[in-house]
PDB file of N, CA and C in Angstrom:
ATOM      1  N   UNK A   1     119.252 177.078 107.752  1.00  0.00           N
ATOM      2  CA  UNK A   1     118.721 175.752 108.053  1.00  0.00           C
ATOM      3  C   UNK A   1     118.624 174.932 106.757  1.00  0.00           C
ATOM      4  N   UNK A   2     119.035 173.678 106.793  1.00  0.00           N
ATOM      5  CA  UNK A   2     119.010 172.868 105.588  1.00  0.00           C
ATOM      6  C   UNK A   2     117.567 172.726 105.061  1.00  0.00           C
ATOM      7  N   UNK A   3     117.477 172.589 103.768  1.00  0.00           N
ATOM      8  CA  UNK A   3     116.153 172.395 103.122  1.00  0.00           C
ATOM      9  C   UNK A   3     115.608 171.013 103.510  1.00  0.00           C
ATOM     10  N   UNK A   4     114.346 170.841 103.408  1.00  0.00           N
ATOM     11  CA  UNK A   4     113.717 169.556 103.647  1.00  0.00           C
ATOM     12  C   UNK A   4     114.275 168.521 102.648  1.00  0.00           C
ATOM     13  N   UNK A   5     114.564 168.941 101.436  1.00  0.00           N
ATOM     14  CA  UNK A   5     115.106 168.035 100.459  1.00  0.00           C
ATOM     15  C   UNK A   5     116.483 167.487 100.880  1.00  0.00           C
ATOM     16  N   UNK A   6     117.304 168.341 101.389  1.00  0.00           N
ATOM     17  CA  UNK A   6     118.636 167.914 101.892  1.00  0.00           C
ATOM     18  C   UNK A   6     118.465 166.991 103.106  1.00  0.00           C
ATOM     19  N   UNK A   7     117.614 167.337 104.017  1.00  0.00           N
ATOM     20  CA  UNK A   7     117.394 166.519 105.194  1.00  0.00           C
ATOM     21  C   UNK A   7     116.897 165.121 104.791  1.00  0.00           C
ATOM     22  N   UNK A   8     115.984 165.062 103.849  1.00  0.00           N
ATOM     23  CA  UNK A   8     115.447 163.771 103.355  1.00  0.00           C
ATOM     24  C   UNK A   8     116.583 162.962 102.731  1.00  0.00           C
ATOM     25  N   UNK A   9     117.428 163.617 101.911  1.00  0.00           N
ATOM     26  CA  UNK A   9     118.533 162.895 101.257  1.00  0.00           C
ATOM     27  C   UNK A   9     119.478 162.316 102.292  1.00  0.00           C
ATOM     28  N   UNK A  10     119.774 163.099 103.315  1.00  0.00           N
ATOM     29  CA  UNK A  10     120.647 162.587 104.368  1.00  0.00           C
ATOM     30  C   UNK A  10     120.032 161.403 105.074  1.00  0.00           C
ATOM     31  N   UNK A  11     118.744 161.464 105.404  1.00  0.00           N
ATOM     32  CA  UNK A  11     118.080 160.317 106.052  1.00  0.00           C
ATOM     33  C   UNK A  11     118.068 159.114 105.122  1.00  0.00           C
ATOM     34  N   UNK A  12     117.648 159.321 103.859  1.00  0.00           N
ATOM     35  CA  UNK A  12     117.533 158.222 102.910  1.00  0.00           C
ATOM     36  C   UNK A  12     118.922 157.584 102.606  1.00  0.00           C
ATOM     37  N   UNK A  13     119.946 158.361 102.699  1.00  0.00           N
ATOM     38  CA  UNK A  13     121.311 157.852 102.486  1.00  0.00           C
ATOM     39  C   UNK A  13     121.913 157.200 103.710  1.00  0.00           C
ATOM     40  N   UNK A  14     121.147 157.224 104.794  1.00  0.00           N
ATOM     41  CA  UNK A  14     121.575 156.672 106.104  1.00  0.00           C
ATOM     42  C   UNK A  14     122.907 157.287 106.554  1.00  0.00           C
ATOM     43  N   UNK A  15     123.015 158.544 106.362  1.00  0.00           N
ATOM     44  CA  UNK A  15     124.208 159.321 106.807  1.00  0.00           C
ATOM     45  C   UNK A  15     123.886 159.850 108.182  1.00  0.00           C
ATOM     46  N   UNK A  16     123.969 159.008 109.205  1.00  0.00           N
ATOM     47  CA  UNK A  16     123.447 159.351 110.521  1.00  0.00           C
ATOM     48  C   UNK A  16     124.457 160.042 111.427  1.00  0.00           C
ATOM     49  N   UNK A  17     125.393 160.809 110.856  1.00  0.00           N
ATOM     50  CA  UNK A  17     126.285 161.579 111.663  1.00  0.00           C
ATOM     51  C   UNK A  17     125.873 163.067 111.505  1.00  0.00           C
ATOM     52  N   UNK A  18     126.445 163.892 112.324  1.00  0.00           N
ATOM     53  CA  UNK A  18     126.105 165.323 112.307  1.00  0.00           C
ATOM     54  C   UNK A  18     126.583 165.972 111.028  1.00  0.00           C
ATOM     55  N   UNK A  19     125.701 166.760 110.431  1.00  0.00           N
ATOM     56  CA  UNK A  19     126.016 167.529 109.237  1.00  0.00           C
ATOM     57  C   UNK A  19     125.894 168.983 109.565  1.00  0.00           C
ATOM     58  N   UNK A  20     126.727 169.782 108.916  1.00  0.00           N
ATOM     59  CA  UNK A  20     126.670 171.215 109.105  1.00  0.00           C
ATOM     60  C   UNK A  20     126.440 171.855 107.747  1.00  0.00           C
ATOM     61  N   UNK A  21     125.384 172.649 107.628  1.00  0.00           N
ATOM     62  CA  UNK A  21     125.069 173.311 106.380  1.00  0.00           C
ATOM     63  C   UNK A  21     124.436 174.653 106.692  1.00  0.00           C
ATOM     64  N   UNK A  22     125.052 175.712 106.216  1.00  0.00           N
ATOM     65  CA  UNK A  22     124.429 177.008 106.445  1.00  0.00           C
ATOM     66  C   UNK A  22     124.201 177.765 105.126  1.00  0.00           C
ATOM     67  N   UNK A  23     124.489 177.143 103.993  1.00  0.00           N
ATOM     68  CA  UNK A  23     124.248 177.700 102.697  1.00  0.00           C
ATOM     69  C   UNK A  23     125.288 178.741 102.267  1.00  0.00           C
ATOM     70  N   UNK A  24     126.327 178.920 103.048  1.00  0.00           N
ATOM     71  CA  UNK A  24     127.342 179.959 102.703  1.00  0.00           C
ATOM     72  C   UNK A  24     128.556 179.345 102.008  1.00  0.00           C
ATOM     73  N   UNK A  25     128.558 178.035 101.795  1.00  0.00           N
ATOM     74  CA  UNK A  25     129.662 177.382 101.084  1.00  0.00           C
ATOM     75  C   UNK A  25     131.015 177.630 101.732  1.00  0.00           C
ATOM     76  N   UNK A  26     132.011 177.969 100.954  1.00  0.00           N
ATOM     77  CA  UNK A  26     133.328 178.159 101.473  1.00  0.00           C
ATOM     78  C   UNK A  26     133.507 179.476 102.252  1.00  0.00           C
ATOM     79  N   UNK A  27     132.487 180.322 102.268  1.00  0.00           N
ATOM     80  CA  UNK A  27     132.517 181.557 103.043  1.00  0.00           C
ATOM     81  C   UNK A  27     131.907 181.380 104.441  1.00  0.00           C
ATOM     82  N   UNK A  28     131.448 180.192 104.734  1.00  0.00           N
ATOM     83  CA  UNK A  28     130.900 179.887 106.046  1.00  0.00           C
ATOM     84  C   UNK A  28     131.944 180.104 107.122  1.00  0.00           C
ATOM     85  N   UNK A  29     131.559 180.642 108.271  1.00  0.00           N
ATOM     86  CA  UNK A  29     132.535 180.785 109.348  1.00  0.00           C
ATOM     87  C   UNK A  29     133.242 179.476 109.723  1.00  0.00           C
ATOM     88  N   UNK A  30     132.513 178.362 109.702  1.00  0.00           N
ATOM     89  CA  UNK A  30     133.149 177.085 109.989  1.00  0.00           C
ATOM     90  C   UNK A  30     134.131 176.692 108.883  1.00  0.00           C
ATOM     91  N   UNK A  31     133.754 176.915 107.638  1.00  0.00           N
ATOM     92  CA  UNK A  31     134.644 176.570 106.535  1.00  0.00           C
ATOM     93  C   UNK A  31     135.938 177.375 106.577  1.00  0.00           C
ATOM     94  N   UNK A  32     135.866 178.636 106.909  1.00  0.00           N
ATOM     95  CA  UNK A  32     137.051 179.459 106.971  1.00  0.00           C
ATOM     96  C   UNK A  32     137.850 179.099 108.215  1.00  0.00           C
ATOM     97  N   UNK A  33     137.201 178.833 109.328  1.00  0.00           N
ATOM     98  CA  UNK A  33     137.909 178.488 110.565  1.00  0.00           C
ATOM     99  C   UNK A  33     138.737 177.192 110.411  1.00  0.00           C
ATOM    100  N   UNK A  34     138.180 176.218 109.669  1.00  0.00           N
ATOM    101  CA  UNK A  34     138.803 174.921 109.535  1.00  0.00           C
ATOM    102  C   UNK A  34     139.518 174.774 108.194  1.00  0.00           C
ATOM    103  N   UNK A  35     139.615 175.846 107.435  1.00  0.00           N
ATOM    104  CA  UNK A  35     140.354 175.865 106.141  1.00  0.00           C
ATOM    105  C   UNK A  35     139.795 174.823 105.162  1.00  0.00           C
ATOM    106  N   UNK A  36     138.482 174.702 105.122  1.00  0.00           N
ATOM    107  CA  UNK A  36     137.843 173.767 104.186  1.00  0.00           C
ATOM    108  C   UNK A  36     137.975 174.342 102.783  1.00  0.00           C
ATOM    109  N   UNK A  37     138.591 173.520 101.903  1.00  0.00           N
ATOM    110  CA  UNK A  37     138.807 173.966 100.532  1.00  0.00           C
ATOM    111  C   UNK A  37     138.216 172.988  99.513  1.00  0.00           C
ATOM    112  N   UNK A  38     137.621 171.934 100.053  1.00  0.00           N
ATOM    113  CA  UNK A  38     136.975 170.946  99.170  1.00  0.00           C
ATOM    114  C   UNK A  38     135.866 170.244  99.895  1.00  0.00           C
ATOM    115  N   UNK A  39     134.975 169.677  99.102  1.00  0.00           N
ATOM    116  CA  UNK A  39     133.847 168.955  99.684  1.00  0.00           C
ATOM    117  C   UNK A  39     133.840 167.598  99.072  1.00  0.00           C
ATOM    118  N   UNK A  40     133.720 166.523  99.836  1.00  0.00           N
ATOM    119  CA  UNK A  40     133.590 166.604 101.285  1.00  0.00           C
ATOM    120  C   UNK A  40     134.942 166.811 101.985  1.00  0.00           C
ATOM    121  N   UNK A  41     134.882 167.497 103.075  1.00  0.00           N
ATOM    122  CA  UNK A  41     136.031 167.590 103.976  1.00  0.00           C
ATOM    123  C   UNK A  41     135.649 166.827 105.214  1.00  0.00           C
ATOM    124  N   UNK A  42     136.481 165.931 105.587  1.00  0.00           N
ATOM    125  CA  UNK A  42     136.131 165.023 106.709  1.00  0.00           C
ATOM    126  C   UNK A  42     136.987 165.306 107.907  1.00  0.00           C
ATOM    127  N   UNK A  43     136.289 165.391 109.055  1.00  0.00           N
ATOM    128  CA  UNK A  43     136.929 165.628 110.348  1.00  0.00           C
ATOM    129  C   UNK A  43     136.261 164.693 111.377  1.00  0.00           C
ATOM    130  N   UNK A  44     137.040 164.107 112.222  1.00  0.00           N
ATOM    131  CA  UNK A  44     136.513 163.409 113.358  1.00  0.00           C
ATOM    132  C   UNK A  44     136.887 164.193 114.617  1.00  0.00           C
ATOM    133  N   UNK A  45     135.875 164.389 115.470  1.00  0.00           N
ATOM    134  CA  UNK A  45     136.123 165.137 116.673  1.00  0.00           C
ATOM    135  C   UNK A  45     136.232 164.160 117.844  1.00  0.00           C
ATOM    136  N   UNK A  46     137.165 164.453 118.740  1.00  0.00           N
ATOM    137  CA  UNK A  46     137.324 163.647 119.931  1.00  0.00           C
ATOM    138  C   UNK A  46     136.261 163.997 120.974  1.00  0.00           C
ATOM    139  N   UNK A  47     136.289 163.287 122.037  1.00  0.00           N
ATOM    140  CA  UNK A  47     135.323 163.525 123.117  1.00  0.00           C
ATOM    141  C   UNK A  47     135.413 164.962 123.655  1.00  0.00           C
ATOM    142  N   UNK A  48     136.615 165.574 123.537  1.00  0.00           N
ATOM    143  CA  UNK A  48     136.806 166.915 124.033  1.00  0.00           C
ATOM    144  C   UNK A  48     136.344 167.974 123.042  1.00  0.00           C
ATOM    145  N   UNK A  49     135.817 167.553 121.890  1.00  0.00           N
ATOM    146  CA  UNK A  49     135.316 168.479 120.906  1.00  0.00           C
ATOM    147  C   UNK A  49     136.369 169.030 119.967  1.00  0.00           C
ATOM    148  N   UNK A  50     137.642 168.594 120.153  1.00  0.00           N
ATOM    149  CA  UNK A  50     138.734 169.030 119.292  1.00  0.00           C
ATOM    150  C   UNK A  50     138.884 168.109 118.115  1.00  0.00           C
ATOM    151  N   UNK A  51     139.438 168.594 117.020  1.00  0.00           N
ATOM    152  CA  UNK A  51     139.678 167.756 115.866  1.00  0.00           C
ATOM    153  C   UNK A  51     140.701 166.668 116.227  1.00  0.00           C
ATOM    154  N   UNK A  52     140.285 165.427 116.069  1.00  0.00           N
ATOM    155  CA  UNK A  52     141.153 164.321 116.398  1.00  0.00           C
ATOM    156  C   UNK A  52     141.787 163.693 115.137  1.00  0.00           C
ATOM    157  N   UNK A  53     141.107 163.860 113.986  1.00  0.00           N
ATOM    158  CA  UNK A  53     141.624 163.337 112.727  1.00  0.00           C
ATOM    159  C   UNK A  53     140.948 164.071 111.613  1.00  0.00           C
ATOM    160  N   UNK A  54     141.621 164.105 110.459  1.00  0.00           N
ATOM    161  CA  UNK A  54     141.039 164.766 109.291  1.00  0.00           C
ATOM    162  C   UNK A  54     141.566 164.144 107.995  1.00  0.00           C
ATOM    163  N   UNK A  55     140.875 164.418 106.935  1.00  0.00           N
ATOM    164  CA  UNK A  55     141.301 164.010 105.618  1.00  0.00           C
ATOM    165  C   UNK A  55     141.445 162.493 105.467  1.00  0.00           C
ATOM    166  N   UNK A  56     142.618 162.071 104.984  1.00  0.00           N
ATOM    167  CA  UNK A  56     142.869 160.661 104.667  1.00  0.00           C
ATOM    168  C   UNK A  56     142.718 159.716 105.853  1.00  0.00           C
ATOM    169  N   UNK A  57     142.879 160.246 107.085  1.00  0.00           N
ATOM    170  CA  UNK A  57     142.733 159.402 108.263  1.00  0.00           C
ATOM    171  C   UNK A  57     141.264 158.984 108.451  1.00  0.00           C
ATOM    172  N   UNK A  58     140.365 159.689 107.768  1.00  0.00           N
ATOM    173  CA  UNK A  58     138.915 159.443 107.958  1.00  0.00           C
ATOM    174  C   UNK A  58     138.311 158.693 106.758  1.00  0.00           C
ATOM    175  N   UNK A  59     139.142 158.159 105.880  1.00  0.00           N
ATOM    176  CA  UNK A  59     138.638 157.523 104.653  1.00  0.00           C
ATOM    177  C   UNK A  59     139.084 156.067 104.551  1.00  0.00           C
ATOM    178  N   UNK A  60     138.267 155.285 103.873  1.00  0.00           N
ATOM    179  CA  UNK A  60     138.587 153.949 103.521  1.00  0.00           C
ATOM    180  C   UNK A  60     139.052 153.078 104.700  1.00  0.00           C
ATOM    181  N   UNK A  61     140.078 152.326 104.452  1.00  0.00           N
ATOM    182  CA  UNK A  61     140.591 151.405 105.478  1.00  0.00           C
ATOM    183  C   UNK A  61     141.126 152.090 106.721  1.00  0.00           C
ATOM    184  N   UNK A  62     141.483 153.346 106.590  1.00  0.00           N
ATOM    185  CA  UNK A  62     142.020 154.086 107.763  1.00  0.00           C
ATOM    186  C   UNK A  62     140.952 154.445 108.766  1.00  0.00           C
ATOM    187  N   UNK A  63     139.707 154.538 108.307  1.00  0.00           N
ATOM    188  CA  UNK A  63     138.648 155.005 109.209  1.00  0.00           C
ATOM    189  C   UNK A  63     138.495 154.235 110.492  1.00  0.00           C
ATOM    190  N   UNK A  64     138.394 152.886 110.393  1.00  0.00           N
ATOM    191  CA  UNK A  64     138.259 152.031 111.591  1.00  0.00           C
ATOM    192  C   UNK A  64     139.441 152.188 112.534  1.00  0.00           C
ATOM    193  N   UNK A  65     140.653 152.222 111.964  1.00  0.00           N
ATOM    194  CA  UNK A  65     141.845 152.347 112.803  1.00  0.00           C
ATOM    195  C   UNK A  65     141.834 153.723 113.498  1.00  0.00           C
ATOM    196  N   UNK A  66     141.436 154.742 112.797  1.00  0.00           N
ATOM    197  CA  UNK A  66     141.423 156.069 113.379  1.00  0.00           C
ATOM    198  C   UNK A  66     140.414 156.177 114.485  1.00  0.00           C
ATOM    199  N   UNK A  67     139.237 155.640 114.264  1.00  0.00           N
ATOM    200  CA  UNK A  67     138.179 155.644 115.313  1.00  0.00           C
ATOM    201  C   UNK A  67     138.640 154.874 116.521  1.00  0.00           C
ATOM    202  N   UNK A  68     139.250 153.725 116.342  1.00  0.00           N
ATOM    203  CA  UNK A  68     139.744 152.964 117.474  1.00  0.00           C
ATOM    204  C   UNK A  68     140.780 153.754 118.251  1.00  0.00           C
ATOM    205  N   UNK A  69     141.657 154.454 117.547  1.00  0.00           N
ATOM    206  CA  UNK A  69     142.709 155.261 118.201  1.00  0.00           C
ATOM    207  C   UNK A  69     142.062 156.379 118.992  1.00  0.00           C
ATOM    208  N   UNK A  70     141.071 157.018 118.419  1.00  0.00           N
ATOM    209  CA  UNK A  70     140.417 158.122 119.106  1.00  0.00           C
ATOM    210  C   UNK A  70     139.675 157.673 120.344  1.00  0.00           C
ATOM    211  N   UNK A  71     139.072 156.530 120.299  1.00  0.00           N
ATOM    212  CA  UNK A  71     138.286 156.036 121.399  1.00  0.00           C
ATOM    213  C   UNK A  71     139.083 155.354 122.513  1.00  0.00           C
ATOM    214  N   UNK A  72     140.386 155.224 122.316  1.00  0.00           N
ATOM    215  CA  UNK A  72     141.241 154.576 123.363  1.00  0.00           C
ATOM    216  C   UNK A  72     141.200 155.361 124.650  1.00  0.00           C
TER     217      UNK A  72
END
């Protein structure tokens, strides 16, 4: 479970999306399943719970276009 300090930082930073933290770093089952090799690693999930976009599709000017495509 994330520390209170981490939870406060997330709230204060207005990062109101789901965060996953188990303290295991790159050895976390999720990190190994999704081949996370760097932080931050960005993934957008579709309504079906599957990865709809990742990496550069989730950054900068691409983010709005990617979200619109996913929500179509």
